[in-house]
C-alpha atoms as a PDB file:
ATOM      1  CA  MET A   1     -12.137   7.667  44.580  1.00  0.00           C
ATOM      2  CA  LEU A   2     -15.067   7.700  42.165  1.00  0.00           C
ATOM      3  CA  ILE A   3     -13.025   9.556  39.550  1.00  0.00           C
ATOM      4  CA  THR A   4     -10.260   6.981  39.886  1.00  0.00           C
ATOM      5  CA  PHE A   5     -12.657   4.094  39.217  1.00  0.00           C
ATOM      6  CA  ILE A   6     -14.129   5.943  36.236  1.00  0.00           C
ATOM      7  CA  ALA A   7     -10.644   6.469  34.787  1.00  0.00           C
ATOM      8  CA  VAL A   8      -9.780   2.779  35.275  1.00  0.00           C
ATOM      9  CA  PHE A   9     -12.761   1.765  33.151  1.00  0.00           C
ATOM     10  CA  LEU A  10     -12.572   4.583  30.584  1.00  0.00           C
ATOM     11  CA  VAL A  11      -8.890   4.231  29.643  1.00  0.00           C
ATOM     12  CA  PRO A  12      -9.237   0.666  28.225  1.00  0.00           C
ATOM     13  CA  PHE A  13     -12.402   1.714  26.401  1.00  0.00           C
ATOM     14  CA  ALA A  14     -10.655   4.741  24.881  1.00  0.00           C
ATOM     15  CA  TYR A  15      -7.742   2.509  23.863  1.00  0.00           C
ATOM     16  CA  LEU A  16     -10.111   0.073  22.119  1.00  0.00           C
ATOM     17  CA  VAL A  17     -11.812   2.903  20.232  1.00  0.00           C
ATOM     18  CA  ALA A  18      -8.481   4.412  19.164  1.00  0.00           C
ATOM     19  CA  THR A  19      -7.165   1.021  18.044  1.00  0.00           C
ATOM     20  CA  SER A  20     -10.282   0.343  15.956  1.00  0.00           C
ATOM     21  CA  LEU A  21      -9.607   3.570  14.025  1.00  0.00           C
ATOM     22  CA  LYS A  22      -6.012   2.676  13.179  1.00  0.00           C
ATOM     23  CA  THR A  23      -4.877   1.376   9.805  1.00  0.00           C
ATOM     24  CA  ASP A  24      -3.180  -2.022   9.539  1.00  0.00           C
ATOM     25  CA  GLU A  25       0.237  -0.356   9.513  1.00  0.00           C
ATOM     26  CA  GLU A  26      -0.512   1.802  12.543  1.00  0.00           C
ATOM     27  CA  LEU A  27      -1.383  -1.282  14.580  1.00  0.00           C
ATOM     28  CA  HIS A  28       2.323  -2.196  14.578  1.00  0.00           C
ATOM     29  CA  GLN A  29       3.474   1.271  15.642  1.00  0.00           C
ATOM     30  CA  ALA A  30       4.109   2.245  19.254  1.00  0.00           C
ATOM     31  CA  THR A  31       1.512   5.018  19.247  1.00  0.00           C
ATOM     32  CA  TRP A  32      -1.696   5.364  21.228  1.00  0.00           C
ATOM     33  CA  LEU A  33      -3.755   7.353  18.736  1.00  0.00           C
ATOM     34  CA  PRO A  34      -4.306   6.937  14.981  1.00  0.00           C
ATOM     35  CA  THR A  35      -2.992   9.620  12.647  1.00  0.00           C
ATOM     36  CA  ILE A  36      -5.407  12.258  11.416  1.00  0.00           C
ATOM     37  CA  PRO A  37      -6.397  11.642   7.741  1.00  0.00           C
ATOM     38  CA  SER A  38      -4.915  14.248   5.430  1.00  0.00           C
ATOM     39  CA  PHE A  39      -5.817  15.475   1.954  1.00  0.00           C
ATOM     40  CA  GLU A  40      -3.726  13.854  -0.789  1.00  0.00           C
ATOM     41  CA  PRO A  41      -4.012  15.861  -4.019  1.00  0.00           C
ATOM     42  CA  THR A  42      -2.126  13.622  -6.419  1.00  0.00           C
ATOM     43  CA  SER A  43      -2.230  10.036  -7.623  1.00  0.00           C
ATOM     44  CA  PRO A  44      -0.091   7.987  -8.003  1.00  0.00           C
ATOM     45  CA  ARG A  45       1.807   8.854  -4.830  1.00  0.00           C
ATOM     46  CA  ILE A  46       4.342   7.216  -2.523  1.00  0.00           C
ATOM     47  CA  ARG A  47       3.114   5.731   0.727  1.00  0.00           C
ATOM     48  CA  GLU A  48       5.540   6.613   3.483  1.00  0.00           C
ATOM     49  CA  SER A  49       7.193   3.854   5.512  1.00  0.00           C
ATOM     50  CA  VAL A  50       8.161   3.807   9.159  1.00  0.00           C
ATOM     51  CA  PRO A  51      11.901   3.060   9.647  1.00  0.00           C
ATOM     52  CA  ALA A  52      12.660  -0.475  10.764  1.00  0.00           C
ATOM     53  CA  LEU A  53      12.776  -0.891  14.523  1.00  0.00           C
ATOM     54  CA  ARG A  54      15.530  -2.719  16.367  1.00  0.00           C
ATOM     55  CA  PRO A  55      14.375  -6.181  17.494  1.00  0.00           C
ATOM     56  CA  PRO A  56      14.427  -6.490  21.318  1.00  0.00           C
ATOM     57  CA  GLU A  57      16.818  -9.432  21.122  1.00  0.00           C
ATOM     58  CA  ALA A  58      19.346  -7.530  18.961  1.00  0.00           C
ATOM     59  CA  PRO A  59      22.115  -5.638  20.829  1.00  0.00           C
ATOM     60  CA  THR A  60      22.161  -1.965  19.857  1.00  0.00           C
ATOM     61  CA  ASP A  61      25.694  -2.015  18.444  1.00  0.00           C
ATOM     62  CA  ARG A  62      24.996  -5.224  16.512  1.00  0.00           C
ATOM     63  CA  TRP A  63      21.794  -3.759  15.088  1.00  0.00           C
ATOM     64  CA  GLN A  64      23.481  -0.556  13.951  1.00  0.00           C
ATOM     65  CA  ALA A  65      26.304  -2.469  12.286  1.00  0.00           C
ATOM     66  CA  ALA A  66      23.976  -4.896  10.511  1.00  0.00           C
ATOM     67  CA  LEU A  67      21.361  -2.327   9.468  1.00  0.00           C
ATOM     68  CA  ALA A  68      23.635  -0.611   6.945  1.00  0.00           C
ATOM     69  CA  LYS A  69      24.391  -3.953   5.272  1.00  0.00           C
ATOM     70  CA  LEU A  70      20.733  -4.990   5.320  1.00  0.00           C
ATOM     71  CA  ARG A  71      19.801  -1.699   3.654  1.00  0.00           C
ATOM     72  CA  GLN A  72      22.368  -2.225   0.920  1.00  0.00           C
ATOM     73  CA  LEU A  73      21.226  -5.792   0.246  1.00  0.00           C
ATOM     74  CA  THR A  74      17.612  -4.686   0.172  1.00  0.00           C
ATOM     75  CA  ARG A  75      18.220  -1.654  -2.015  1.00  0.00           C
ATOM     76  CA  ASP A  76      20.099  -3.748  -4.570  1.00  0.00           C
ATOM     77  CA  ALA A  77      17.122  -6.117  -4.739  1.00  0.00           C
ATOM     78  CA  VAL A  78      14.621  -3.241  -4.942  1.00  0.00           C
ATOM     79  CA  ASN A  79      16.545  -1.690  -7.841  1.00  0.00           C
ATOM     80  CA  LYS A  80      15.994  -4.929  -9.758  1.00  0.00           C
ATOM     81  CA  GLY A  81      12.315  -5.209  -8.799  1.00  0.00           C
ATOM     82  CA  THR A  82       9.407  -4.792 -11.190  1.00  0.00           C
ATOM     83  CA  LEU A  83       7.666  -1.442 -10.906  1.00  0.00           C
ATOM     84  CA  PRO A  84       3.859  -1.632 -10.727  1.00  0.00           C
ATOM     85  CA  PRO A  85       1.629   0.502 -12.980  1.00  0.00           C
ATOM     86  CA  GLY A  86       2.311   4.147 -12.173  1.00  0.00           C
ATOM     87  CA  GLY A  87       5.718   3.483 -10.639  1.00  0.00           C
ATOM     88  CA  ASN A  88       7.461   5.708 -13.176  1.00  0.00           C
ATOM     89  CA  ALA A  89       5.172   8.633 -12.305  1.00  0.00           C
ATOM     90  CA  VAL A  90       6.764   9.302  -8.892  1.00  0.00           C
ATOM     91  CA  ASP A  91      10.216  10.167  -7.566  1.00  0.00           C
ATOM     92  CA  LEU A  92      11.985   6.839  -8.163  1.00  0.00           C
ATOM     93  CA  GLU A  93      14.780   7.505  -5.671  1.00  0.00           C
ATOM     94  CA  LYS A  94      12.348   8.249  -2.840  1.00  0.00           C
ATOM     95  CA  TYR A  95      10.052   5.431  -3.968  1.00  0.00           C
ATOM     96  CA  ARG A  96      12.768   2.789  -3.874  1.00  0.00           C
ATOM     97  CA  ALA A  97      14.127   4.102  -0.569  1.00  0.00           C
ATOM     98  CA  THR A  98      10.652   3.845   0.945  1.00  0.00           C
ATOM     99  CA  ALA A  99      10.195   0.308  -0.371  1.00  0.00           C
ATOM    100  CA  THR A 100      13.605  -0.600   1.068  1.00  0.00           C
ATOM    101  CA  GLU A 101      12.660   0.522   4.587  1.00  0.00           C
ATOM    102  CA  TYR A 102       9.315  -1.244   4.305  1.00  0.00           C
ATOM    103  CA  LEU A 103      10.976  -4.525   3.276  1.00  0.00           C
ATOM    104  CA  ILE A 104      13.435  -4.398   6.152  1.00  0.00           C
ATOM    105  CA  SER A 105      10.627  -3.794   8.634  1.00  0.00           C
ATOM    106  CA  GLN A 106       8.754  -6.796   7.216  1.00  0.00           C
ATOM    107  CA  ILE A 107      11.620  -9.297   7.011  1.00  0.00           C
ATOM    108  CA  VAL A 108      13.656  -8.555  10.159  1.00  0.00           C
ATOM    109  CA  PRO A 109      10.939  -9.682  12.636  1.00  0.00           C
ATOM    110  CA  ARG A 110      10.754 -13.033  10.842  1.00  0.00           C
ATOM    111  CA  LEU A 111      14.425 -13.860  11.328  1.00  0.00           C
ATOM    112  CA  ASN A 112      15.549 -16.352  13.954  1.00  0.00           C
ATOM    113  CA  GLN A 113      16.258 -14.448  17.180  1.00  0.00           C
ATOM    114  CA  GLU A 114      19.446 -16.416  17.810  1.00  0.00           C
ATOM    115  CA  LEU A 115      21.007 -14.943  14.653  1.00  0.00           C
ATOM    116  CA  TRP A 116      21.461 -11.605  16.402  1.00  0.00           C
ATOM    117  CA  THR A 117      23.932 -13.095  18.862  1.00  0.00           C
ATOM    118  CA  GLY A 118      25.776 -15.312  16.378  1.00  0.00           C
ATOM    119  CA  GLU A 119      27.982 -14.717  13.357  1.00  0.00           C
ATOM    120  CA  GLU A 120      27.005 -11.785  11.181  1.00  0.00           C
ATOM    121  CA  SER A 121      27.534 -13.802   7.993  1.00  0.00           C
ATOM    122  CA  LYS A 122      24.777 -16.218   9.034  1.00  0.00           C
ATOM    123  CA  LEU A 123      22.442 -13.323   9.780  1.00  0.00           C
ATOM    124  CA  LEU A 124      23.020 -11.805   6.349  1.00  0.00           C
ATOM    125  CA  GLU A 125      22.631 -15.181   4.638  1.00  0.00           C
ATOM    126  CA  ALA A 126      19.299 -15.796   6.357  1.00  0.00           C
ATOM    127  CA  TYR A 127      18.156 -12.327   5.333  1.00  0.00           C
ATOM    128  CA  LYS A 128      19.129 -12.952   1.696  1.00  0.00           C
ATOM    129  CA  LEU A 129      17.081 -16.156   1.667  1.00  0.00           C
ATOM    130  CA  ALA A 130      14.026 -14.226   2.864  1.00  0.00           C
ATOM    131  CA  LEU A 131      14.558 -11.424   0.348  1.00  0.00           C
ATOM    132  CA  LEU A 132      12.666 -13.145  -2.447  1.00  0.00           C
ATOM    133  CA  PRO A 133      11.793 -11.401  -5.751  1.00  0.00           C
ATOM    134  CA  LYS A 134       8.094 -11.716  -4.926  1.00  0.00           C
ATOM    135  CA  GLU A 135       8.669 -10.000  -1.577  1.00  0.00           C
ATOM    136  CA  VAL A 136      10.404  -7.146  -3.392  1.00  0.00           C
ATOM    137  CA  ASP A 137       7.655  -6.769  -6.006  1.00  0.00           C
ATOM    138  CA  ASP A 138       4.973  -6.884  -3.308  1.00  0.00           C
ATOM    139  CA  ALA A 139       6.762  -4.131  -1.374  1.00  0.00           C
ATOM    140  CA  LEU A 140       6.976  -1.932  -4.465  1.00  0.00           C
ATOM    141  CA  ASP A 141       3.297  -2.555  -5.120  1.00  0.00           C
ATOM    142  CA  ASP A 142       2.337  -1.815  -1.513  1.00  0.00           C
ATOM    143  CA  ARG A 143       4.260   1.470  -1.303  1.00  0.00           C
ATOM    144  CA  LEU A 144       2.558   3.004  -4.351  1.00  0.00           C
ATOM    145  CA  ALA A 145      -0.927   4.426  -3.813  1.00  0.00           C
ATOM    146  CA  ARG A 146      -2.820   4.672  -7.086  1.00  0.00           C
ATOM    147  CA  LEU A 147      -6.225   4.365  -8.726  1.00  0.00           C
ATOM    148  CA  GLU A 148      -6.014   1.402 -11.079  1.00  0.00           C
ATOM    149  CA  LEU A 149      -9.116   0.444 -13.043  1.00  0.00           C
ATOM    150  CA  ARG A 150      -9.153  -3.279 -13.784  1.00  0.00           C
ATOM    151  CA  GLY A 151     -12.421  -3.447 -15.664  1.00  0.00           C
ATOM    152  CA  LEU A 152     -16.164  -3.199 -15.239  1.00  0.00           C
ATOM    153  CA  GLN A 153     -18.493  -6.167 -14.784  1.00  0.00           C
ATOM    154  CA  ALA A 154     -22.259  -6.460 -14.606  1.00  0.00           C
ATOM    155  CA  ARG A 155     -23.903  -9.148 -12.480  1.00  0.00           C
ATOM    156  CA  SER A 156     -27.437 -10.357 -12.979  1.00  0.00           C
ATOM    157  CA  LEU A 157     -29.876 -11.743 -10.456  1.00  0.00           C
ATOM    158  CA  ASP A 158     -29.415 -15.223 -11.929  1.00  0.00           C
ATOM    159  CA  ALA A 159     -25.668 -15.130 -11.084  1.00  0.00           C
ATOM    160  CA  HIS A 160     -24.383 -14.416 -14.601  1.00  0.00           C
ATOM    161  CA  ILE A 161     -21.320 -12.168 -14.937  1.00  0.00           C
ATOM    162  CA  TYR A 162     -20.901 -10.008 -18.030  1.00  0.00           C
ATOM    163  CA  VAL A 163     -17.656  -8.185 -18.841  1.00  0.00           C
ATOM    164  CA  VAL A 164     -18.646  -4.645 -19.788  1.00  0.00           C
ATOM    165  CA  THR A 165     -15.136  -3.250 -20.162  1.00  0.00           C
ATOM    166  CA  ALA A 166     -11.808  -5.049 -19.894  1.00  0.00           C
ATOM    167  CA  GLY A 167      -9.216  -3.299 -17.800  1.00  0.00           C
ATOM    168  CA  GLU A 168      -6.926  -2.434 -20.704  1.00  0.00           C
ATOM    169  CA  ASP A 169      -9.877  -1.000 -22.722  1.00  0.00           C
ATOM    170  CA  VAL A 170     -10.992   1.586 -20.161  1.00  0.00           C
ATOM    171  CA  ALA A 171      -8.759   4.311 -21.614  1.00  0.00           C
ATOM    172  CA  ALA A 172     -10.325   3.889 -25.072  1.00  0.00           C
ATOM    173  CA  THR A 173     -13.989   3.520 -24.087  1.00  0.00           C
ATOM    174  CA  TRP A 174     -14.485   5.653 -20.964  1.00  0.00           C
ATOM    175  CA  LYS A 175     -14.628   9.438 -20.792  1.00  0.00           C
ATOM    176  CA  ILE A 176     -13.408  11.892 -18.177  1.00  0.00           C
ATOM    177  CA  GLU A 177     -16.280  14.345 -17.853  1.00  0.00           C
ATOM    178  CA  SER A 178     -14.612  16.700 -15.367  1.00  0.00           C
ATOM    179  CA  GLY A 179     -11.508  17.144 -13.259  1.00  0.00           C
ATOM    180  CA  ASP A 180      -7.761  17.294 -13.870  1.00  0.00           C
ATOM    181  CA  ALA A 181      -7.096  13.690 -14.823  1.00  0.00           C
ATOM    182  CA  HIS A 182      -6.094  11.429 -17.676  1.00  0.00           C
ATOM    183  CA  PHE A 183      -5.942   7.714 -18.432  1.00  0.00           C
ATOM    184  CA  GLU A 184      -2.797   5.669 -18.954  1.00  0.00           C
ATOM    185  CA  LYS A 185      -3.288   2.270 -20.564  1.00  0.00           C
ATOM    186  CA  GLN A 186      -1.428  -0.609 -18.910  1.00  0.00           C
ATOM    187  CA  ARG A 187      -1.041  -4.235 -19.929  1.00  0.00           C
ATOM    188  CA  GLU A 188      -4.131  -5.527 -18.097  1.00  0.00           C
ATOM    189  CA  SER A 189      -5.569  -2.370 -16.558  1.00  0.00           C
ATOM    190  CA  THR A 190      -5.863   1.398 -16.903  1.00  0.00           C
ATOM    191  CA  LEU A 191      -4.262   3.882 -14.540  1.00  0.00           C
ATOM    192  CA  LEU A 192      -6.104   7.069 -13.689  1.00  0.00           C
ATOM    193  CA  ARG A 193      -3.649   9.858 -12.937  1.00  0.00           C
ATOM    194  CA  TYR A 194      -5.163  12.914 -11.289  1.00  0.00           C
ATOM    195  CA  HIS A 195      -4.307  16.082  -9.422  1.00  0.00           C
ATOM    196  CA  PHE A 196      -6.396  18.360  -7.220  1.00  0.00           C
ATOM    197  CA  GLY A 197      -5.228  21.922  -6.672  1.00  0.00           C
ATOM    198  CA  SER A 198      -7.195  22.024  -3.434  1.00  0.00           C
ATOM    199  CA  SER A 199      -9.853  20.070  -1.579  1.00  0.00           C
ATOM    200  CA  SER A 200     -12.516  22.363  -3.098  1.00  0.00           C
ATOM    201  CA  ASP A 201     -11.661  21.535  -6.728  1.00  0.00           C
ATOM    202  CA  GLN A 202     -14.340  20.001  -8.913  1.00  0.00           C
ATOM    203  CA  PRO A 203     -14.599  16.227  -8.587  1.00  0.00           C
ATOM    204  CA  ILE A 204     -13.344  13.803 -11.188  1.00  0.00           C
ATOM    205  CA  VAL A 205     -16.303  12.292 -13.012  1.00  0.00           C
ATOM    206  CA  LEU A 206     -15.933   9.246 -15.255  1.00  0.00           C
ATOM    207  CA  SER A 207     -18.580   7.990 -17.653  1.00  0.00           C
ATOM    208  CA  CYS A 208     -19.019   4.739 -19.544  1.00  0.00           C
ATOM    209  CA  GLU A 209     -21.798   4.037 -22.030  1.00  0.00           C
ATOM    210  CA  PHE A 210     -22.623   0.411 -22.764  1.00  0.00           C
ATOM    211  CA  ASP A 211     -25.441  -1.906 -23.820  1.00  0.00           C
ATOM    212  CA  TYR A 212     -26.424  -4.337 -21.107  1.00  0.00           C
ATOM    213  CA  PRO A 213     -26.385  -7.804 -22.753  1.00  0.00           C
ATOM    214  CA  ALA A 214     -29.322  -9.196 -20.742  1.00  0.00           C
ATOM    215  CA  ASP A 215     -32.683  -8.133 -19.342  1.00  0.00           C
ATOM    216  CA  PRO A 216     -32.121  -4.809 -17.497  1.00  0.00           C
ATOM    217  CA  GLN A 217     -34.701  -5.834 -14.930  1.00  0.00           C
ATOM    218  CA  ARG A 218     -32.429  -8.716 -13.964  1.00  0.00           C
ATOM    219  CA  LEU A 219     -29.462  -6.423 -13.274  1.00  0.00           C
ATOM    220  CA  HIS A 220     -28.070  -7.027  -9.789  1.00  0.00           C
ATOM    221  CA  LYS A 221     -25.035  -4.735  -9.598  1.00  0.00           C
ATOM    222  CA  LEU A 222     -22.052  -3.324 -11.463  1.00  0.00           C
END
């Protein structure tokens, strides 16, 4: 009896702890435990997407029939989307396929539930209206993990902000002291591409020399 009461109180507590360790994406997955963090040796890289789940209100046969058409509509839009910095550094076919699945999983839950029991043409039309260019670009941006340097600022104790390095100037003014990495200048930022052979490789160290334009004693943070 005592063990039963202990289990009743411990299970919700364990669930709360496990949920607090999940990422935002994992919160929407039907899993109890968060995934174990793994070593990622290369950047940029593609962030995997979970396949879109069938809405509860959608009949299985209707969902299967519509899913192929939704994928085609989405993929056509993704092919026209704007790649973020570093997008050309990964497998474009896999990248766009991942962004396609991610978009479907984001848009489908927002559709009117009644569309799944009505005419398919109305369902597809509603989906097209939700498939905005900004949604596509945001999905492409979200599915690409990368280290993008957008500049360096110095803040003083009297609330002044000084631009030390603009994002597009990082490649020309910063140095890579160690590690397998190189800069790629972008329009308003600099992309740092790197690769680790193993988790025991030497770290990537960046350096930037600059003259602080105010009293150093008033420096708050970089």
